[in-house]
């Protein structure tokens, strides 16, 4: 049975005593009554997270939930390393902690998007300008009118790199940029919604370089990381912290032909073991991939979305203007079937928006905004619930028995967090 569990289903061993693999940051967690909730609400949320862990697809999970700006829940369960499906005991087991850094993958897009809106606030760009206005070489093959806004909202017409592009190209920024400049767009007028899994980040990073004279890591360090007192929160991870980064594990049953084709279309490979190797490659972890390799803790990530919920303020610091937040979360277009993901989605210029009766951020979440990362990482803010949250995981299951427990986590958080009566639309309140 254990062989079946590990080799066929690719599941991690689950501790019998969950308390032995649970970390609670009691110094941060407040009495739920301080934020208008009950201890039973917190217990129900954590029980849902524990049930997700018991699925065996995530060796480690860390969670940070803030309400009304205070930490309601800051916990981790499982192992950061040494307890994957194929681990043989040669590596020491290291517990997952609330301060364990994790690669956020596509959750990075939400952070990158706000950086672009902050550049606009500084007057360095106009997001409605063509990319070619700042990087003329991008105009090749009819891309002269594709705007920064179209790139942000996944309507830029270059959802993927050319077929057969080696994945190793991702850590060669200049080569990737040349491929994107030479690319033939599928559309140029922004009429088709097609998720840009990797490509958009490289385009945006090039714009940052052109207008600031430095890379995007320098910009995020100056504008967000240092002002908000974050240890990590960089694209890639600094070499001195590499040993602290939780690896990614390809867990769950291997995808079938149709799902592999979908993954190939969205991510450039349909093989999850190849994806696992890529994610754990030091060259990937050392590169700057603005759409896919920002590194942070659960606490840092929920802090970021709390700052957005605060209208651009963190403590006494003004990170950006409230109007910048409003522009970042304002819905662009309408609910449409994403031509890459093949599901109905709502987007702003850079963020995934919630929906009703049920959306990616749980039930009745029309005002919520955030971003997923490789389907298994969640980071968002919900103005109606006065909530910012992150759920970071180390597994890479695609379609498995964990789906319903994962949905249940989102449902439980939403249902256990009271909604405001007659809230003002968030974007309008920030404008």
Protein backbone atom coordinates (compact mmCIF):
# COMPACT_ATOMS: atom_id res chain seq x y z
CA UNK A 1 0.00 0.00 0.00
CA UNK A 2 2.82 2.41 0.85
CA UNK A 3 4.51 1.61 -2.48
CA UNK A 4 1.23 2.39 -4.29
CA UNK A 5 0.89 5.59 -2.37
CA UNK A 6 4.41 6.83 -3.08
CA UNK A 7 5.18 5.47 -6.57
CA UNK A 8 1.82 5.46 -8.33
CA UNK A 9 -0.09 8.26 -6.67
CA UNK A 10 3.10 10.19 -5.83
CA UNK A 11 1.91 11.17 -2.37
CA UNK A 12 4.00 12.24 0.60
CA UNK A 13 3.90 10.40 3.93
CA UNK A 14 1.47 12.03 6.36
CA UNK A 15 2.33 12.36 10.02
CA UNK A 16 -0.09 10.54 12.32
CA UNK A 17 0.22 13.25 14.91
CA UNK A 18 -0.45 16.53 13.08
CA UNK A 19 0.59 18.54 16.13
CA UNK A 20 4.13 17.19 15.66
CA UNK A 21 4.36 18.85 12.23
CA UNK A 22 2.40 22.02 12.97
CA UNK A 23 3.98 25.42 13.63
CA UNK A 24 1.88 28.24 15.09
CA UNK A 25 3.24 31.78 15.31
CA UNK A 26 1.48 32.61 18.56
CA UNK A 27 3.32 35.93 18.81
CA UNK A 28 1.49 37.19 15.74
CA UNK A 29 -1.97 35.65 16.05
CA UNK A 30 -4.48 37.89 17.81
CA UNK A 31 -7.59 36.93 19.72
CA UNK A 32 -10.22 36.42 17.00
CA UNK A 33 -12.60 38.68 18.94
CA UNK A 34 -10.27 41.61 18.17
CA UNK A 35 -11.20 41.31 14.50
CA UNK A 36 -14.85 40.43 14.87
CA UNK A 37 -14.55 36.66 14.65
CA UNK A 38 -14.85 33.61 16.90
CA UNK A 39 -12.27 31.01 17.86
CA UNK A 40 -14.54 28.46 16.20
CA UNK A 41 -14.07 30.31 12.90
CA UNK A 42 -10.29 30.04 13.15
CA UNK A 43 -10.53 26.38 14.16
CA UNK A 44 -12.77 25.62 11.16
CA UNK A 45 -10.35 27.31 8.75
CA UNK A 46 -7.36 25.47 10.17
CA UNK A 47 -9.26 22.17 10.12
CA UNK A 48 -9.89 22.69 6.38
CA UNK A 49 -6.15 23.33 5.84
CA UNK A 50 -5.29 20.18 7.83
CA UNK A 51 -7.66 18.11 5.67
CA UNK A 52 -5.90 19.46 2.59
CA UNK A 53 -2.54 18.43 4.08
CA UNK A 54 -3.89 14.92 4.78
CA UNK A 55 -4.39 14.46 1.02
CA UNK A 56 -0.62 13.93 0.81
CA UNK A 57 -0.14 16.13 -2.27
CA UNK A 58 1.49 19.00 -0.37
CA UNK A 59 4.48 18.04 1.77
CA UNK A 60 4.32 21.51 3.32
CA UNK A 61 1.68 24.25 3.63
CA UNK A 62 1.98 27.72 5.17
CA UNK A 63 -0.93 30.08 5.76
CA UNK A 64 -1.21 33.73 6.70
CA UNK A 65 -4.59 35.41 7.10
CA UNK A 66 -5.10 39.02 8.16
CA UNK A 67 -8.39 40.68 9.03
CA UNK A 68 -8.74 44.37 9.66
CA UNK A 69 -4.97 44.54 9.38
CA UNK A 70 -4.29 42.10 12.24
CA UNK A 71 -2.96 38.56 11.95
CA UNK A 72 -5.81 36.13 12.49
CA UNK A 73 -3.89 33.01 11.54
CA UNK A 74 -0.18 32.39 10.94
CA UNK A 75 0.59 28.68 10.76
CA UNK A 76 2.39 25.97 8.83
CA UNK A 77 1.97 22.22 8.59
CA UNK A 78 4.18 19.47 7.19
CA UNK A 79 7.77 19.62 5.97
CA UNK A 80 9.64 22.12 3.83
CA UNK A 81 12.03 19.41 2.64
CA UNK A 82 12.92 15.78 3.18
CA UNK A 83 9.39 14.34 3.03
CA UNK A 84 8.54 14.31 -0.68
CA UNK A 85 7.14 11.21 -2.45
CA UNK A 86 10.56 10.17 -3.72
CA UNK A 87 12.66 11.19 -0.72
CA UNK A 88 14.52 8.18 0.64
CA UNK A 89 15.58 9.52 4.02
CA UNK A 90 19.02 10.60 2.87
CA UNK A 91 18.07 14.24 3.45
CA UNK A 92 17.13 15.48 6.89
CA UNK A 93 13.48 16.39 7.29
CA UNK A 94 12.94 20.10 7.88
CA UNK A 95 9.61 21.30 9.21
CA UNK A 96 7.61 23.85 7.26
CA UNK A 97 7.52 27.13 9.16
CA UNK A 98 5.58 30.34 8.81
CA UNK A 99 8.79 32.07 7.73
CA UNK A 100 9.83 29.42 5.15
CA UNK A 101 10.37 31.06 1.73
CA UNK A 102 8.43 29.54 -1.17
CA UNK A 103 8.50 30.30 -4.88
CA UNK A 104 5.19 32.02 -5.66
CA UNK A 105 5.23 31.11 -9.37
CA UNK A 106 2.39 32.93 -11.17
CA UNK A 107 1.35 34.72 -7.99
CA UNK A 108 4.36 36.84 -8.95
CA UNK A 109 2.24 38.40 -11.70
CA UNK A 110 0.07 40.28 -9.21
CA UNK A 111 3.10 41.87 -7.58
CA UNK A 112 4.74 42.66 -10.93
CA UNK A 113 1.51 44.28 -12.10
CA UNK A 114 1.40 46.67 -9.16
CA UNK A 115 5.01 47.65 -9.84
CA UNK A 116 3.98 48.68 -13.35
CA UNK A 117 1.13 50.80 -11.99
CA UNK A 118 3.60 52.37 -9.56
CA UNK A 119 5.85 53.27 -12.49
CA UNK A 120 2.84 54.99 -14.02
CA UNK A 121 2.24 56.84 -10.75
CA UNK A 122 5.82 58.13 -10.96
CA UNK A 123 5.18 59.36 -14.50
CA UNK A 124 7.78 57.01 -15.96
CA UNK A 125 5.28 55.14 -18.15
CA UNK A 126 1.71 55.28 -19.32
CA UNK A 127 0.23 51.78 -19.31
CA UNK A 128 -1.85 52.67 -22.37
CA UNK A 129 1.31 53.30 -24.39
CA UNK A 130 2.58 50.66 -26.81
CA UNK A 131 5.42 48.56 -25.41
CA UNK A 132 7.41 49.64 -28.49
CA UNK A 133 7.31 53.23 -27.25
CA UNK A 134 9.81 52.18 -24.57
CA UNK A 135 11.44 49.18 -26.33
CA UNK A 136 11.29 49.81 -30.11
CA UNK A 137 12.57 46.35 -31.05
CA UNK A 138 9.33 44.83 -29.71
CA UNK A 139 7.49 46.29 -32.72
CA UNK A 140 8.75 43.55 -35.04
CA UNK A 141 6.18 41.38 -36.82
CA UNK A 142 3.25 43.72 -36.30
CA UNK A 143 3.51 44.24 -32.53
CA UNK A 144 3.96 48.01 -32.74
CA UNK A 145 0.54 48.79 -31.25
CA UNK A 146 0.45 46.21 -28.44
CA UNK A 147 0.19 48.18 -25.19
CA UNK A 148 1.53 47.63 -21.70
CA UNK A 149 -2.09 47.43 -20.54
CA UNK A 150 -2.79 44.61 -22.99
CA UNK A 151 0.21 42.69 -21.68
CA UNK A 152 -0.98 43.20 -18.08
CA UNK A 153 -4.51 42.03 -18.87
CA UNK A 154 -3.43 38.95 -20.89
CA UNK A 155 -4.58 40.44 -24.17
CA UNK A 156 -1.13 41.09 -25.66
CA UNK A 157 -1.32 38.35 -28.28
CA UNK A 158 1.85 36.49 -27.21
CA UNK A 159 0.58 33.93 -24.66
CA UNK A 160 3.51 31.58 -25.09
CA UNK A 161 7.07 31.22 -26.32
CA UNK A 162 7.57 29.62 -29.75
CA UNK A 163 7.05 25.83 -29.78
CA UNK A 164 10.13 23.75 -29.01
CA UNK A 165 11.78 26.58 -27.08
CA UNK A 166 14.06 24.90 -24.50
CA UNK A 167 12.91 25.61 -20.96
CA UNK A 168 16.46 26.57 -20.09
CA UNK A 169 15.90 29.69 -22.18
CA UNK A 170 13.93 31.13 -19.26
CA UNK A 171 17.04 32.09 -17.34
CA UNK A 172 18.57 33.86 -20.33
CA UNK A 173 16.66 37.15 -20.29
CA UNK A 174 18.24 38.57 -23.43
CA UNK A 175 17.58 35.45 -25.50
CA UNK A 176 13.98 35.25 -24.24
CA UNK A 177 13.49 38.91 -25.09
CA UNK A 178 14.74 38.36 -28.63
CA UNK A 179 12.32 35.47 -29.06
CA UNK A 180 9.46 37.68 -27.90
CA UNK A 181 10.50 40.50 -30.22
CA UNK A 182 10.56 38.06 -33.15
CA UNK A 183 7.27 36.43 -32.15
CA UNK A 184 4.24 36.61 -34.42
CA UNK A 185 1.25 37.72 -32.29
CA UNK A 186 -2.04 35.83 -32.48
CA UNK A 187 -3.88 39.18 -32.25
CA UNK A 188 -2.80 42.81 -31.91
CA UNK A 189 -6.02 44.59 -31.00
CA UNK A 190 -6.49 43.17 -27.49
CA UNK A 191 -9.73 41.41 -28.46
CA UNK A 192 -8.72 37.91 -27.30
CA UNK A 193 -8.14 36.94 -23.67
CA UNK A 194 -5.35 34.37 -23.50
CA UNK A 195 -3.38 33.92 -20.28
CA UNK A 196 0.30 34.84 -20.68
CA UNK A 197 1.90 32.30 -18.33
CA UNK A 198 5.52 33.43 -18.73
CA UNK A 199 5.87 35.84 -21.62
CA UNK A 200 4.24 38.97 -20.22
CA UNK A 201 6.63 39.22 -17.31
CA UNK A 202 9.68 39.43 -19.56
CA UNK A 203 8.05 42.20 -21.59
CA UNK A 204 7.20 44.18 -18.47
CA UNK A 205 10.67 43.69 -17.03
CA UNK A 206 12.20 45.09 -20.21
CA UNK A 207 10.05 48.20 -19.84
CA UNK A 208 11.22 48.58 -16.23
CA UNK A 209 14.86 48.39 -17.38
CA UNK A 210 14.29 50.96 -20.10
CA UNK A 211 12.72 53.59 -17.85
CA UNK A 212 14.62 53.06 -14.59
CA UNK A 213 18.03 52.00 -15.88
CA UNK A 214 17.98 48.98 -13.56
CA UNK A 215 16.34 45.57 -13.32
CA UNK A 216 13.01 44.86 -11.67
CA UNK A 217 14.67 43.38 -8.56
CA UNK A 218 16.25 46.73 -7.81
CA UNK A 219 12.87 48.42 -8.26
CA UNK A 220 10.92 46.06 -6.01
CA UNK A 221 13.67 46.26 -3.40
CA UNK A 222 13.47 50.04 -3.34
CA UNK A 223 9.69 50.40 -3.56
CA UNK A 224 8.30 47.42 -1.62
CA UNK A 225 10.79 45.06 -0.01
CA UNK A 226 12.74 47.54 2.09
CA UNK A 227 9.86 49.90 2.98
CA UNK A 228 7.74 46.94 4.13
CA UNK A 229 10.57 45.25 6.04
CA UNK A 230 10.62 41.99 4.06
CA UNK A 231 13.48 39.49 4.22
CA UNK A 232 12.76 37.80 0.88
CA UNK A 233 10.29 39.10 -1.72
CA UNK A 234 12.70 39.12 -4.65
CA UNK A 235 12.56 37.56 -8.10
CA UNK A 236 14.62 34.47 -7.51
CA UNK A 237 16.30 34.14 -4.16
CA UNK A 238 19.55 35.61 -2.96
CA UNK A 239 22.27 32.97 -2.95
CA UNK A 240 22.86 33.20 0.78
CA UNK A 241 19.23 32.16 1.34
CA UNK A 242 19.08 29.39 -1.28
CA UNK A 243 19.24 26.62 1.32
CA UNK A 244 16.17 28.08 3.07
CA UNK A 245 13.92 27.82 0.00
CA UNK A 246 11.32 25.05 0.11
CA UNK A 247 11.63 22.81 -2.97
CA UNK A 248 8.69 22.04 -5.25
CA UNK A 249 7.45 18.44 -5.46
CA UNK A 250 5.60 16.91 -8.43
CA UNK A 251 2.86 15.08 -6.56
CA UNK A 252 -0.39 13.36 -7.41
CA UNK A 253 -1.22 11.08 -10.36
CA UNK A 254 0.62 11.98 -13.54
CA UNK A 255 -1.53 13.94 -16.03
CA UNK A 256 -3.12 12.10 -18.95
CA UNK A 257 -2.69 13.05 -22.63
CA UNK A 258 -5.34 15.79 -22.71
CA UNK A 259 -4.09 17.42 -19.53
CA UNK A 260 -0.49 17.22 -20.74
CA UNK A 261 -1.53 19.00 -23.92
CA UNK A 262 -3.15 21.73 -21.83
CA UNK A 263 -0.03 22.10 -19.68
CA UNK A 264 2.15 22.24 -22.79
CA UNK A 265 0.01 25.08 -24.11
CA UNK A 266 0.01 27.03 -20.84
CA UNK A 267 3.48 26.32 -19.40
CA UNK A 268 5.66 25.06 -22.24
CA UNK A 269 5.82 21.48 -20.96
CA UNK A 270 3.26 18.79 -20.27
CA UNK A 271 5.60 16.75 -18.09
CA UNK A 272 5.25 17.63 -14.40
CA UNK A 273 8.55 15.94 -13.51
CA UNK A 274 10.28 18.21 -16.03
CA UNK A 275 8.46 21.13 -14.44
CA UNK A 276 9.61 19.98 -11.00
CA UNK A 277 13.23 19.82 -12.19
CA UNK A 278 12.93 23.27 -13.72
CA UNK A 279 11.49 24.79 -10.55
CA UNK A 280 14.22 23.28 -8.38
CA UNK A 281 17.07 24.17 -10.74
CA UNK A 282 19.40 26.72 -9.08
CA UNK A 283 19.54 28.59 -12.39
CA UNK A 284 15.77 29.11 -12.27
CA UNK A 285 15.98 30.10 -8.61
CA UNK A 286 18.73 32.59 -9.40
CA UNK A 287 17.08 34.12 -12.47
CA UNK A 288 14.70 37.07 -12.79
CA UNK A 289 11.39 35.74 -14.15
CA UNK A 290 8.82 38.40 -13.26
CA UNK A 291 5.82 36.27 -14.23
CA UNK A 292 6.90 33.24 -12.31
CA UNK A 293 9.68 33.17 -9.69
CA UNK A 294 9.13 35.77 -6.98
CA UNK A 295 10.09 34.23 -3.63
CA UNK A 296 8.39 35.11 -0.37
CA UNK A 297 6.84 33.75 2.80
CA UNK A 298 3.13 33.42 3.47
CA UNK A 299 3.35 36.34 5.88
CA UNK A 300 5.17 38.58 3.39
CA UNK A 301 2.63 37.77 0.70
CA UNK A 302 -0.41 38.52 2.86
CA UNK A 303 1.35 41.73 3.99
CA UNK A 304 1.59 42.80 0.37
CA UNK A 305 -2.11 42.28 -0.24
CA UNK A 306 -2.94 43.95 3.07
CA UNK A 307 -1.00 46.97 1.86
CA UNK A 308 -3.18 47.01 -1.24
CA UNK A 309 -6.27 46.66 0.94
CA UNK A 310 -4.99 49.65 2.94
CA UNK A 311 -5.01 51.75 -0.21
CA UNK A 312 -1.23 51.65 -0.65
CA UNK A 313 -0.22 52.23 2.99
CA UNK A 314 1.82 50.01 5.28
CA UNK A 315 2.02 51.34 8.82
CA UNK A 316 3.05 54.95 8.55
CA UNK A 317 4.62 54.45 5.12
CA UNK A 318 2.92 55.34 1.88
CA UNK A 319 3.96 52.62 -0.60
CA UNK A 320 1.85 53.99 -3.44
CA UNK A 321 -1.16 56.22 -3.99
CA UNK A 322 -4.66 54.90 -3.38
CA UNK A 323 -5.54 55.82 -6.97
CA UNK A 324 -2.76 53.46 -8.11
CA UNK A 325 -4.42 50.63 -6.21
CA UNK A 326 -7.75 51.56 -7.80
CA UNK A 327 -6.27 51.35 -11.30
CA UNK A 328 -4.62 48.01 -10.51
CA UNK A 329 -7.83 46.30 -9.34
CA UNK A 330 -10.33 47.84 -11.79
CA UNK A 331 -11.91 45.16 -13.97
CA UNK A 332 -10.92 45.33 -17.61
CA UNK A 333 -13.32 43.88 -20.12
CA UNK A 334 -15.89 41.44 -18.81
CA UNK A 335 -16.02 37.83 -17.77
CA UNK A 336 -14.62 35.86 -20.73
CA UNK A 337 -13.42 32.37 -21.50
CA UNK A 338 -9.65 32.48 -21.31
CA UNK A 339 -8.26 30.97 -24.53
CA UNK A 340 -5.28 29.50 -22.66
CA UNK A 341 -6.98 28.25 -19.49
CA UNK A 342 -10.34 27.42 -21.14
CA UNK A 343 -12.34 28.70 -18.17
CA UNK A 344 -14.33 31.93 -17.62
CA UNK A 345 -12.15 34.54 -15.91
CA UNK A 346 -12.34 38.13 -14.74
CA UNK A 347 -9.15 40.20 -14.85
CA UNK A 348 -7.95 43.66 -14.04
CA UNK A 349 -4.74 44.98 -15.55
CA UNK A 350 -2.65 42.39 -13.75
CA UNK A 351 -4.86 40.62 -11.19
CA UNK A 352 -7.36 37.77 -11.11
CA UNK A 353 -10.71 38.98 -9.83
CA UNK A 354 -13.28 37.06 -7.83
CA UNK A 355 -16.84 36.36 -8.86
CA UNK A 356 -20.33 35.44 -7.71
CA UNK A 357 -21.89 33.10 -6.82
CA UNK A 358 -18.47 31.44 -6.75
CA UNK A 359 -15.07 32.53 -7.99
CA UNK A 360 -11.43 31.68 -7.57
CA UNK A 361 -11.40 33.49 -4.18
CA UNK A 362 -14.42 31.63 -2.84
CA UNK A 363 -18.18 32.28 -2.84
CA UNK A 364 -19.56 35.79 -3.26
CA UNK A 365 -16.10 37.24 -3.91
CA UNK A 366 -16.79 39.76 -6.71
CA UNK A 367 -14.59 42.45 -5.19
CA UNK A 368 -11.70 40.15 -4.25
CA UNK A 369 -8.43 40.34 -6.17
CA UNK A 370 -5.21 38.37 -6.18
CA UNK A 371 -3.37 35.74 -8.18
CA UNK A 372 -2.87 31.98 -8.31
CA UNK A 373 0.51 30.31 -8.63
CA UNK A 374 0.77 26.99 -10.49
CA UNK A 375 -2.85 26.34 -9.48
CA UNK A 376 -1.81 25.46 -5.92
CA UNK A 377 -0.76 28.79 -4.43
CA UNK A 378 -3.31 31.42 -3.48
CA UNK A 379 -2.76 35.04 -2.49
CA UNK A 380 -5.55 37.60 -2.38
CA UNK A 381 -7.40 40.41 -0.69
CA UNK A 382 -11.16 40.60 -0.18
CA UNK A 383 -12.36 44.13 0.66
CA UNK A 384 -15.89 42.94 1.52
CA UNK A 385 -14.44 40.72 4.23
CA UNK A 386 -11.62 43.08 5.27
CA UNK A 387 -9.31 40.15 4.56
CA UNK A 388 -5.88 39.55 3.07
CA UNK A 389 -4.53 36.03 2.84
CA UNK A 390 -1.99 33.67 1.37
CA UNK A 391 -1.98 29.90 1.18
CA UNK A 392 1.40 28.62 -0.01
CA UNK A 393 2.05 24.97 -0.79
CA UNK A 394 5.04 22.92 -1.92
CA UNK A 395 3.25 20.27 -4.00
CA UNK A 396 2.54 20.38 -7.72
CA UNK A 397 -0.55 18.21 -8.19
CA UNK A 398 -2.50 19.10 -11.30
CA UNK A 399 -5.74 17.13 -11.13
CA UNK A 400 -6.09 14.92 -8.10
CA UNK A 401 -8.21 14.12 -5.05
CA UNK A 402 -6.99 17.34 -3.43
CA UNK A 403 -9.19 19.57 -5.60
CA UNK A 404 -12.32 19.43 -3.43
CA UNK A 405 -10.37 19.90 -0.16
CA UNK A 406 -8.62 22.89 -1.75
CA UNK A 407 -11.97 24.37 -2.81
CA UNK A 408 -13.20 23.70 0.72
CA UNK A 409 -10.35 25.76 2.19
CA UNK A 410 -11.35 28.75 0.07
CA UNK A 411 -15.04 28.22 0.83
CA UNK A 412 -14.41 27.94 4.57
CA UNK A 413 -12.30 31.11 4.71
CA UNK A 414 -14.99 33.03 2.83
CA UNK A 415 -17.93 31.59 4.78
CA UNK A 416 -16.28 32.03 8.20
CA UNK A 417 -15.26 35.65 7.57
CA UNK A 418 -18.18 38.09 7.95
CA UNK A 419 -18.94 40.37 5.01
CA UNK A 420 -19.55 44.09 5.28
CA UNK A 421 -23.10 45.33 4.87
CA UNK A 422 -23.55 47.36 1.66
CA UNK A 423 -19.83 47.92 0.98
CA UNK A 424 -18.69 50.64 -1.39
CA UNK A 425 -17.07 49.15 -4.52
CA UNK A 426 -13.40 48.92 -3.62
CA UNK A 427 -11.97 50.57 -6.75
CA UNK A 428 -14.31 53.53 -6.27
CA UNK A 429 -13.37 53.84 -2.60
CA UNK A 430 -9.70 54.10 -3.60
CA UNK A 431 -10.15 56.56 -6.47
